[in-house]
Amino acid sequence: MLYTIALILLILWVLGLTTLNVGALIHVLLVFAIVAVLIRVIQGRKIV
């Protein structure tokens, strides 16, 4: 589930870089995606 959220955030970030001119929102999405992946890696749970 967490990887899905991170993937969606990364896709939105790439779309924001290429099509939308949203400014700081792009970087916020990138930070959320990175934090989500780091939390998943730190927790070390296996995918169900």
N, C-alpha and C. Protein backbone atom coordinates (compact mmCIF):
# COMPACT_ATOMS: atom_id res chain seq x y z
N MET A 1 0.82 -1.19 0.00
CA MET A 1 0.00 0.00 0.00
C MET A 1 0.87 1.26 0.00
N LEU A 2 1.91 1.22 0.82
CA LEU A 2 2.79 2.38 0.91
C LEU A 2 3.54 2.61 -0.39
N TYR A 3 3.96 1.52 -1.05
CA TYR A 3 4.63 1.66 -2.34
C TYR A 3 3.69 2.24 -3.39
N THR A 4 2.43 1.90 -3.32
CA THR A 4 1.44 2.44 -4.26
C THR A 4 1.29 3.94 -4.08
N ILE A 5 1.22 4.37 -2.84
CA ILE A 5 1.11 5.80 -2.56
C ILE A 5 2.37 6.53 -3.04
N ALA A 6 3.53 5.94 -2.76
CA ALA A 6 4.78 6.56 -3.20
C ALA A 6 4.84 6.64 -4.72
N LEU A 7 4.39 5.61 -5.41
CA LEU A 7 4.39 5.61 -6.87
C LEU A 7 3.46 6.68 -7.42
N ILE A 8 2.28 6.80 -6.83
CA ILE A 8 1.33 7.83 -7.27
C ILE A 8 1.91 9.22 -7.06
N LEU A 9 2.55 9.43 -5.91
CA LEU A 9 3.16 10.73 -5.65
C LEU A 9 4.29 11.03 -6.62
N LEU A 10 5.09 10.02 -6.95
CA LEU A 10 6.17 10.23 -7.92
C LEU A 10 5.62 10.54 -9.31
N ILE A 11 4.55 9.87 -9.70
CA ILE A 11 3.93 10.15 -11.00
C ILE A 11 3.39 11.57 -11.04
N LEU A 12 2.73 11.98 -9.96
CA LEU A 12 2.23 13.35 -9.89
C LEU A 12 3.37 14.36 -9.94
N TRP A 13 4.49 14.01 -9.30
CA TRP A 13 5.65 14.90 -9.31
C TRP A 13 6.19 15.06 -10.73
N VAL A 14 6.32 13.95 -11.46
CA VAL A 14 6.81 14.01 -12.83
C VAL A 14 5.84 14.79 -13.71
N LEU A 15 4.55 14.56 -13.54
CA LEU A 15 3.56 15.32 -14.31
C LEU A 15 3.65 16.81 -13.99
N GLY A 16 3.88 17.11 -12.74
CA GLY A 16 4.02 18.51 -12.34
C GLY A 16 5.24 19.16 -12.96
N LEU A 17 6.30 18.40 -13.09
CA LEU A 17 7.51 18.95 -13.70
C LEU A 17 7.33 19.19 -15.19
N THR A 18 6.54 18.34 -15.85
CA THR A 18 6.44 18.42 -17.30
C THR A 18 5.27 19.26 -17.78
N THR A 19 4.14 19.22 -17.08
CA THR A 19 2.95 19.89 -17.61
C THR A 19 2.43 21.02 -16.73
N LEU A 20 2.40 20.80 -15.45
CA LEU A 20 1.82 21.79 -14.56
C LEU A 20 2.90 22.73 -14.05
N ASN A 21 2.52 23.93 -13.75
CA ASN A 21 3.44 24.89 -13.16
C ASN A 21 2.96 25.22 -11.76
N VAL A 22 3.15 24.30 -10.84
CA VAL A 22 2.57 24.41 -9.52
C VAL A 22 3.58 24.91 -8.49
N GLY A 23 4.85 24.93 -8.85
CA GLY A 23 5.87 25.47 -7.95
C GLY A 23 6.20 24.56 -6.80
N ALA A 24 5.96 25.01 -5.60
CA ALA A 24 6.37 24.29 -4.39
C ALA A 24 5.65 22.96 -4.22
N LEU A 25 4.45 22.83 -4.77
CA LEU A 25 3.70 21.58 -4.63
C LEU A 25 4.47 20.40 -5.22
N ILE A 26 5.19 20.62 -6.28
CA ILE A 26 5.98 19.57 -6.91
C ILE A 26 7.00 19.02 -5.92
N HIS A 27 7.68 19.91 -5.23
CA HIS A 27 8.71 19.48 -4.31
C HIS A 27 8.11 18.83 -3.06
N VAL A 28 6.96 19.28 -2.65
CA VAL A 28 6.27 18.66 -1.52
C VAL A 28 5.89 17.22 -1.87
N LEU A 29 5.40 16.99 -3.08
CA LEU A 29 5.05 15.64 -3.50
C LEU A 29 6.27 14.74 -3.52
N LEU A 30 7.39 15.26 -3.99
CA LEU A 30 8.62 14.48 -4.02
C LEU A 30 9.06 14.12 -2.61
N VAL A 31 9.00 15.05 -1.69
CA VAL A 31 9.39 14.79 -0.31
C VAL A 31 8.48 13.74 0.31
N PHE A 32 7.17 13.84 0.09
CA PHE A 32 6.25 12.83 0.62
C PHE A 32 6.55 11.45 0.07
N ALA A 33 6.85 11.36 -1.22
CA ALA A 33 7.16 10.06 -1.82
C ALA A 33 8.43 9.48 -1.22
N ILE A 34 9.45 10.28 -1.04
CA ILE A 34 10.70 9.80 -0.47
C ILE A 34 10.51 9.36 0.97
N VAL A 35 9.77 10.15 1.74
CA VAL A 35 9.51 9.80 3.14
C VAL A 35 8.72 8.50 3.23
N ALA A 36 7.75 8.31 2.36
CA ALA A 36 6.95 7.09 2.38
C ALA A 36 7.81 5.86 2.11
N VAL A 37 8.71 5.96 1.15
CA VAL A 37 9.59 4.84 0.83
C VAL A 37 10.57 4.60 1.99
N LEU A 38 11.12 5.65 2.56
CA LEU A 38 12.05 5.48 3.67
C LEU A 38 11.38 4.83 4.87
N ILE A 39 10.16 5.23 5.18
CA ILE A 39 9.44 4.62 6.29
C ILE A 39 9.25 3.13 6.03
N ARG A 40 8.91 2.78 4.81
CA ARG A 40 8.71 1.37 4.46
C ARG A 40 10.00 0.58 4.61
N VAL A 41 11.11 1.16 4.16
CA VAL A 41 12.39 0.47 4.25
C VAL A 41 12.83 0.34 5.70
N ILE A 42 12.64 1.37 6.49
CA ILE A 42 13.04 1.33 7.90
C ILE A 42 12.22 0.32 8.68
N GLN A 43 10.93 0.23 8.38
CA GLN A 43 10.06 -0.72 9.09
C GLN A 43 10.43 -2.15 8.71
N GLY A 44 10.85 -2.37 7.49
CA GLY A 44 11.31 -3.68 7.07
C GLY A 44 10.23 -4.72 6.96
N ARG A 45 8.98 -4.32 6.78
CA ARG A 45 7.90 -5.29 6.64
C ARG A 45 7.89 -5.86 5.23
N LYS A 46 7.44 -7.12 5.14
CA LYS A 46 7.32 -7.74 3.84
C LYS A 46 5.99 -7.39 3.21
N ILE A 47 5.96 -7.36 1.89
CA ILE A 47 4.72 -7.06 1.17
C ILE A 47 3.76 -8.23 1.31
N VAL A 48 2.54 -7.96 1.65
CA VAL A 48 1.54 -9.02 1.87
C VAL A 48 1.00 -9.48 0.54
